[in-house]
Structure formats: C-alpha cells, structure tokens
Protein backbone atom coordinates (compact mmCIF):
# COMPACT_ATOMS: atom_id res chain seq x y z
CA MET A 1 -89.40 52.52 36.34
CA PHE A 2 -88.55 49.47 38.54
CA LEU A 3 -91.65 47.59 37.47
CA THR A 4 -91.04 48.17 33.78
CA GLY A 5 -87.41 47.17 34.14
CA ASN A 6 -88.47 44.00 35.92
CA LEU A 7 -90.70 43.08 33.03
CA ALA A 8 -88.22 43.96 30.28
CA SER A 9 -85.04 42.48 31.71
CA GLY A 10 -86.30 39.49 33.75
CA GLN A 11 -87.42 36.11 32.51
CA GLN A 12 -90.71 36.65 30.64
CA LEU A 13 -91.56 32.98 30.48
CA PRO A 14 -91.35 30.28 33.14
CA VAL A 15 -88.18 28.18 33.39
CA TYR A 16 -88.47 24.40 33.89
CA SER A 17 -85.84 21.86 34.92
CA GLN A 18 -87.78 18.72 33.90
CA TYR A 19 -88.35 19.69 30.28
CA LEU A 20 -87.38 16.19 29.12
CA TYR A 21 -90.56 14.83 30.74
CA ASN A 22 -92.89 17.36 29.15
CA LYS A 23 -91.30 18.99 26.11
CA PHE A 24 -94.75 20.26 25.14
CA LEU A 25 -94.24 23.14 27.62
CA ILE A 26 -91.48 24.58 25.40
CA ASN A 27 -92.45 23.29 21.93
CA PRO A 28 -96.00 23.11 20.44
CA SER A 29 -94.99 20.50 17.87
CA ILE A 30 -94.79 17.89 20.67
CA ALA A 31 -98.61 17.92 21.07
CA GLY A 32 -99.78 14.35 20.54
CA SER A 33 -96.35 13.14 19.41
CA ASP A 34 -96.47 9.93 21.47
CA GLY A 35 -100.01 8.87 20.57
CA TYR A 36 -101.28 9.20 24.13
CA THR A 37 -103.71 11.54 25.82
CA SER A 38 -101.48 13.11 28.47
CA VAL A 39 -102.28 15.31 31.51
CA ASN A 40 -99.35 17.02 33.24
CA LEU A 41 -99.15 19.14 36.44
CA THR A 42 -95.94 20.98 37.36
CA ALA A 43 -95.17 23.11 40.41
CA ARG A 44 -91.90 25.04 40.74
CA GLU A 45 -90.61 27.08 43.64
CA GLN A 46 -87.47 28.94 42.66
CA TRP A 47 -84.89 30.19 45.20
CA VAL A 48 -86.85 29.07 48.27
CA GLY A 49 -86.37 31.56 51.09
CA TYR A 50 -85.70 34.54 48.79
CA GLU A 51 -88.49 37.13 48.88
CA GLY A 52 -90.17 37.73 45.56
CA ALA A 53 -88.54 34.71 43.87
CA PRO A 54 -90.33 33.15 40.83
CA ARG A 55 -93.10 30.62 41.65
CA THR A 56 -94.76 28.73 38.82
CA PHE A 57 -97.74 26.35 38.46
CA SER A 58 -98.66 24.79 35.12
CA PHE A 59 -101.30 22.41 33.75
CA ALA A 60 -101.03 20.86 30.28
CA VAL A 61 -103.16 18.48 28.27
CA GLN A 62 -102.27 17.01 24.86
CA SER A 63 -103.57 14.25 22.61
CA ARG A 64 -103.26 12.66 19.19
CA ILE A 65 -106.36 12.77 17.00
CA LEU A 66 -106.43 9.19 15.76
CA LYS A 67 -108.19 8.01 12.62
CA ARG A 68 -111.07 5.57 12.84
CA SER A 69 -111.70 2.35 10.93
CA TYR A 70 -114.59 -0.14 10.79
CA ILE A 71 -114.48 -3.24 12.98
CA LEU A 72 -114.92 -6.32 10.80
CA LYS A 73 -117.35 -8.02 13.18
CA GLN A 74 -120.47 -5.93 13.87
CA THR A 75 -123.27 -6.65 16.31
CA ASN A 76 -125.75 -4.59 14.32
CA VAL A 77 -125.55 -4.30 10.55
CA ARG A 78 -127.22 -0.87 10.73
CA ARG A 79 -124.65 0.40 13.15
CA GLN A 80 -121.05 1.03 12.12
CA ILE A 81 -118.68 0.55 15.06
CA TYR A 82 -115.32 2.32 14.97
CA ARG A 83 -112.01 1.71 16.58
CA PRO A 84 -108.91 3.98 16.62
CA LYS A 85 -105.99 3.40 14.32
CA SER A 86 -102.47 4.56 15.16
CA ASP A 87 -101.97 6.62 12.04
CA GLY A 88 -103.56 9.95 12.86
CA LYS A 89 -101.39 12.91 11.94
CA VAL A 90 -102.91 15.70 14.01
CA GLY A 91 -102.13 16.53 17.62
CA LEU A 92 -103.91 19.04 19.84
CA GLY A 93 -102.86 20.50 23.17
CA GLY A 94 -103.55 23.14 25.76
CA HIS A 95 -101.41 24.64 28.48
CA VAL A 96 -102.11 27.19 31.22
CA PHE A 97 -99.70 28.54 33.78
CA SER A 98 -99.57 30.94 36.72
CA ASP A 99 -96.29 32.60 37.50
CA ARG A 100 -95.14 35.10 40.11
CA ASN A 101 -91.88 36.94 39.52
CA GLY A 102 -91.09 39.74 41.97
CA LEU A 103 -93.98 42.20 42.09
CA ILE A 104 -95.52 40.88 38.87
CA ASN A 105 -98.16 38.13 38.70
CA ARG A 106 -98.57 36.47 35.30
CA THR A 107 -101.01 33.98 33.96
CA GLY A 108 -100.95 32.56 30.47
CA PHE A 109 -102.48 30.03 28.11
CA GLN A 110 -101.44 28.19 24.97
CA ALA A 111 -103.68 26.38 22.48
CA SER A 112 -101.61 24.20 20.10
CA TYR A 113 -102.05 22.42 16.81
CA ALA A 114 -99.40 19.93 15.62
CA TYR A 115 -98.99 17.93 12.41
CA HIS A 116 -96.94 14.75 12.48
CA THR A 117 -95.53 12.78 9.54
CA TRP A 118 -93.29 9.75 9.32
CA LEU A 119 -89.92 9.55 7.62
CA GLN A 120 -88.99 6.01 6.52
CA ASN A 121 -91.45 4.54 9.06
CA SER A 122 -88.97 5.10 11.95
CA THR A 123 -88.61 8.81 12.45
CA GLN A 124 -91.40 11.27 13.19
CA LEU A 125 -91.17 14.88 11.91
CA SER A 126 -93.59 17.28 13.58
CA PHE A 127 -94.60 20.91 13.14
CA GLY A 128 -96.62 22.93 15.59
CA LEU A 129 -98.32 26.27 15.98
CA SER A 130 -99.93 27.78 19.04
CA LEU A 131 -102.01 30.80 19.97
CA ASN A 132 -100.83 32.27 23.29
CA GLY A 133 -102.20 34.85 25.69
CA TYR A 134 -100.54 36.48 28.72
CA HIS A 135 -102.07 38.52 31.53
CA TYR A 136 -99.80 40.72 33.66
CA LYS A 137 -100.74 42.42 36.90
CA ILE A 138 -98.94 44.08 39.82
CA ASP A 139 -99.21 42.25 43.11
CA GLN A 140 -100.71 45.20 44.96
CA ASP A 141 -100.78 43.29 48.28
CA ALA A 142 -96.97 43.31 48.23
CA ILE A 143 -96.69 47.11 47.67
CA ASN A 144 -97.38 50.06 49.98
CA PHE A 145 -98.28 52.98 47.77
CA GLU A 146 -97.53 56.41 49.25
CA ASP A 147 -99.98 58.00 46.84
CA ASN A 148 -102.64 55.75 45.32
CA ASN A 149 -103.47 58.50 42.80
CA ASP A 150 -99.94 58.75 41.45
CA PRO A 151 -100.28 58.74 37.63
CA LEU A 152 -97.20 56.57 37.35
CA LEU A 153 -99.08 53.86 39.18
CA ASN A 154 -102.43 54.36 37.51
CA ASN A 155 -101.62 52.35 34.42
CA SER A 156 -102.71 49.17 32.64
CA LEU A 157 -100.25 47.01 34.57
CA ARG A 158 -101.91 47.89 37.84
CA ARG A 159 -105.38 47.23 36.47
CA GLY A 160 -104.32 44.07 34.57
CA LEU A 161 -102.80 43.85 31.08
CA PHE A 162 -103.60 41.13 28.45
CA ILE A 163 -101.26 40.55 25.52
CA PRO A 164 -101.90 37.91 22.75
CA ASP A 165 -99.10 36.30 20.78
CA ALA A 166 -98.13 33.00 19.11
CA ALA A 167 -95.43 30.29 19.02
CA PHE A 168 -94.00 27.92 16.43
CA GLY A 169 -92.09 24.66 16.83
CA VAL A 170 -90.57 21.77 14.87
CA SER A 171 -89.26 18.45 16.25
CA LEU A 172 -87.69 15.21 15.09
CA LEU A 173 -88.16 12.02 17.12
CA ASN A 174 -87.15 8.41 16.72
CA ALA A 175 -86.16 5.45 18.87
CA LYS A 176 -82.70 6.83 19.58
CA TYR A 177 -82.83 10.60 19.55
CA SER A 178 -85.03 13.65 19.82
CA PHE A 179 -84.38 17.19 18.61
CA GLY A 180 -86.55 20.28 18.54
CA PHE A 181 -86.53 24.02 17.91
CA SER A 182 -89.20 26.49 18.87
CA ALA A 183 -89.84 30.26 18.98
CA ASP A 184 -92.23 31.68 21.58
CA GLN A 185 -93.75 35.14 21.81
CA LEU A 186 -93.25 35.05 18.05
CA PHE A 187 -94.66 38.45 17.13
CA GLU A 188 -93.17 40.32 20.12
CA ALA A 189 -96.56 41.89 20.83
CA SER A 190 -96.52 45.17 22.71
CA ALA A 191 -98.88 47.26 24.83
CA LYS A 192 -98.99 50.69 26.37
CA LEU A 193 -98.88 50.79 30.13
CA GLY A 194 -100.15 54.32 30.65
CA GLY A 195 -99.55 57.96 29.94
CA ALA A 196 -96.21 58.34 31.68
CA ALA A 197 -93.31 58.14 29.22
CA ALA A 198 -91.34 55.74 31.40
CA TYR A 199 -94.14 53.19 31.25
CA GLN A 200 -95.30 53.43 27.67
CA ASN A 201 -93.08 50.93 25.91
CA PHE A 202 -93.44 47.34 27.02
CA SER A 203 -93.23 44.45 24.57
CA LEU A 204 -92.75 40.71 24.73
CA GLU A 205 -89.34 39.40 23.72
CA ARG A 206 -89.12 36.51 21.30
CA GLN A 207 -87.83 33.41 23.12
CA TYR A 208 -85.94 30.57 21.41
CA TYR A 209 -85.57 26.97 22.59
CA LEU A 210 -83.35 24.24 21.13
CA PHE A 211 -83.33 20.81 22.71
CA GLY A 212 -81.79 17.47 21.92
CA SER A 213 -81.16 14.01 23.46
CA TYR A 214 -79.65 10.69 22.43
CA ASP A 215 -80.10 7.23 23.97
CA PHE A 216 -77.16 4.86 24.48
CA SER A 217 -78.44 1.39 25.40
CA HIS A 218 -76.43 -0.82 27.79
CA GLY A 219 -78.17 -4.19 27.91
CA PRO A 220 -81.94 -4.67 27.69
CA TYR A 221 -82.91 -2.41 30.58
CA ASN A 222 -80.27 0.31 30.97
CA ILE A 223 -80.17 3.55 29.00
CA ILE A 224 -77.78 6.54 29.32
CA GLN A 225 -79.32 9.64 27.83
CA PRO A 226 -77.21 12.81 27.38
CA SER A 227 -79.32 15.88 26.62
CA PHE A 228 -79.16 19.66 26.19
CA LEU A 229 -81.49 22.64 26.17
CA ILE A 230 -80.44 26.09 24.86
CA MET A 231 -82.67 29.10 25.70
CA SER A 232 -82.21 32.60 24.42
CA SER A 233 -84.08 35.81 23.63
CA GLU A 234 -83.59 38.99 21.66
CA GLN A 235 -82.15 40.82 24.67
CA LEU A 236 -80.76 38.27 27.13
CA GLN A 237 -77.66 36.13 26.77
CA PRO A 238 -78.22 32.47 25.88
CA GLN A 239 -78.66 30.01 28.75
CA ALA A 240 -77.99 26.31 28.35
CA ASP A 241 -78.59 23.07 30.26
CA PHE A 242 -76.24 20.14 29.65
CA GLY A 243 -77.09 16.90 31.42
CA VAL A 244 -77.19 13.15 31.47
CA THR A 245 -79.98 10.83 32.65
CA TYR A 246 -79.84 7.17 33.64
CA ILE A 247 -83.04 5.23 32.75
CA PHE A 248 -83.77 1.75 34.13
CA HIS A 249 -86.43 -0.37 32.46
CA ASP A 250 -88.32 2.81 31.49
CA ASP A 251 -89.71 2.78 35.09
CA PHE A 252 -87.04 4.78 36.95
CA TRP A 253 -84.73 7.60 36.02
CA ALA A 254 -82.19 9.87 37.69
CA GLY A 255 -80.19 12.69 36.15
CA LEU A 256 -77.75 15.47 36.73
CA ALA A 257 -77.34 18.66 34.67
CA TYR A 258 -75.42 21.92 34.66
CA ARG A 259 -77.12 25.20 33.83
CA THR A 260 -74.84 27.91 32.49
CA SER A 261 -76.56 30.50 34.69
CA LYS A 262 -74.57 28.81 37.49
CA ALA A 263 -76.75 26.05 38.80
CA LEU A 264 -76.61 22.26 39.25
CA ILE A 265 -79.85 20.34 38.59
CA SER A 266 -80.61 16.88 39.93
CA THR A 267 -83.72 14.97 38.82
CA VAL A 268 -85.38 11.71 39.80
CA GLY A 269 -88.58 10.07 38.59
CA VAL A 270 -90.66 6.92 38.67
CA LYS A 271 -93.35 5.39 36.47
CA TYR A 272 -96.08 3.06 37.63
CA GLN A 273 -98.47 1.88 34.92
CA ASN A 274 -99.83 5.13 33.47
CA ILE A 275 -98.68 7.37 36.34
CA PHE A 276 -95.49 9.41 36.12
CA MET A 277 -93.90 11.40 38.95
CA GLY A 278 -90.73 13.47 38.91
CA TYR A 279 -88.77 15.77 41.19
CA ALA A 280 -85.98 18.22 40.46
CA PHE A 281 -83.71 20.19 42.81
CA ASP A 282 -81.67 23.13 41.50
CA PHE A 283 -78.63 24.15 43.52
CA THR A 284 -77.48 27.60 42.49
CA LEU A 285 -73.76 28.34 42.42
CA SER A 286 -74.12 32.11 42.41
CA GLU A 287 -74.10 34.54 45.33
CA ILE A 288 -77.86 34.16 45.82
CA GLN A 289 -77.16 30.72 47.35
CA ARG A 290 -76.32 32.47 50.63
CA VAL A 291 -79.96 33.51 51.13
CA THR A 292 -81.86 30.66 49.50
CA TYR A 293 -82.50 26.95 50.00
CA GLY A 294 -82.40 26.04 46.32
CA THR A 295 -85.15 25.47 43.79
CA HIS A 296 -87.73 22.65 43.97
CA GLU A 297 -89.85 21.38 41.07
CA ILE A 298 -92.42 18.59 41.12
CA THR A 299 -94.21 17.11 38.11
CA PHE A 300 -97.09 14.63 37.99
CA ALA A 301 -98.46 13.13 34.78
CA LEU A 302 -101.17 10.67 33.66
CA LYS A 303 -101.22 9.03 30.24
CA PHE A 304 -104.33 7.39 28.76
CA GLY A 305 -104.78 5.11 25.77
CA ASP A 306 -102.12 2.93 24.15
CA ASN A 307 -99.39 3.64 21.69
CA LYS A 308 -99.23 0.33 19.87
CA ARG A 309 -97.73 -0.04 16.40
CA LYS A 310 -95.71 3.00 15.47
CA TYR A 311 -95.84 4.67 18.90
CA ARG A 312 -94.45 1.84 21.05
CA TRP A 313 -90.85 3.12 20.99
CA LEU A 314 -91.99 6.53 22.22
CA ASP A 315 -93.34 5.17 25.50
CA ARG A 316 -90.93 6.55 28.11
CA TYR A 317 -91.87 9.70 29.94
C-alpha cells in the first residue's frame, strides 16, 4: 500500500529550478526554437541529507531542421553544394532522465517534434508533440523483505513496469517575452501492478505547465526579467514559481524566486562562447529544513551552429 501511495500522491515527474535555461524539459514545442543544436545536462539533488529524497539526472538534445539552398559559386558544375538557411520550420528533440523518489527508481524518455511559424516576422509561434515512455521499478537494495514470496510484493513494479504516454505543448516567443503551455502524461496511461487489489490501479496523472517571462531593458547591457511557472496535475494542488532574473550582457545572470510549496530559489549562470553553466540552490521554508541541507541543481549546456537572421534575438540561454 505504501509503494502505491508513493506513486499516486508524490511527484510523478521531475521538478527543475532552472527551467528558464532549458524550457524544452517541460514543453516539447521548444525543440529547435532558437535555431541552434543544443545539448543540455542537468543534475538535481533535492533535500540533501534527507534519506530517500528525489535525485534527478537528465540529458536533452534539440535542433532546428534548417532548409538548404544552392551556393551561387560552385567548384564543380556537376556537384550542387548546399548551405543552411534560417527559415526551417521543423524542430526535433530528445530527452532522457533518471529519477529516484523514495523507494521508486524511474527512468524516462521523450522524443519530440515541433513546428515553428512566424507572426509578423518578429514573434515565433510553436506547436510540439512528444512520445514519452516511463519505466518504474522498486529499489530492492533499499528494502528488507520479510517474505520474498509475499504476493503483495511479487508484482510488476518489483520486476519493472513500462508505461508509454505523450505530451503536447504550445509556445510564443519574441524579443521581449516568452509564454508557453504544455500538458504531459496526456493520456493518463495506466497499468496493473499485480493480483492484489491494493496494487491493481496505478495510472499516470496528467501534468500541466504554464510559463512566462518578460524582459525590461535598462541600457544596452542590463536586462531585468520577471518570470513565472505554474505546475499542476489532476490530483495535486497547483504549485507556482515567481521570480526575477538580472542578465548582464547575455553572459552572466543571477536570479531569485519563490516557490509556493514553501521554498526560496537562487540561481546563477555564466556563458562563454557556446558553453553555458548554471547553478540553483533551493532553500526550503517547511519543517523538512531541520533535517536537510537544501536542494542543489547544476546544468551544463553546449550550443552549436549560429542563429543569424531571424534567430539572433533568441540567443540568450
């Protein structure tokens, strides 16, 4: 009963504090939105010092599929040489994660397709779909079973359980603002965990994400960016992050946010050429703070290619 309750009532998807730097993790329509090929690694250790606290590792890749056009000057008339143009409308992405939450180990993947179109040559409207898969398994090394033949324990969750699902997202980006909405675990897929009645009904809960940000420029190099992220599901109460980030010359940023689940989040990051690094520290304001050293999250990203023409204003994170 405890294991099923942990699955049903706890967070079914990883939580991230640096979502501004990789919105693709929560919205498939972001795939390829900036015209780059991006590789992102994120490691998150939640409630350090608390036994069984969530621990997450993720790896994401995304890219824009650019159109090709002929180069006017050719070295060989029989050979047609191509170069990319910044007007491709299709983005592709992939994301895998490994997450431990209590006694449950989870791994998952997401394969995304996004379509981007321009509104008045200044605002990009994007739609995205993804196919997702999740694998759940009990961490048997952390449990001492009194009876290994107990039928309550001899179920799919102990052997490993795979559940497919999907996600949908839409986003709107321009030089000043960004907004997006997405729904994950769209079909609320379910699976039977075994013959015991207490373990039969487990299903994914649909998760909703709504994010937004706006840039206020102060001089040529200083930007103040307020932002928000609202997360909710069919069963749990909504949770929201409200924050503000200071950005200097697009090469350094620092921010502070409040999470309504009683936490303060501080972030800092730097950019050097095509390398991006960020760190977040979550200080919980709830009773659990007495037995934990906070939450730490590190992200590392590489971006390849260039985003000239229409994509130049998107070059930030």
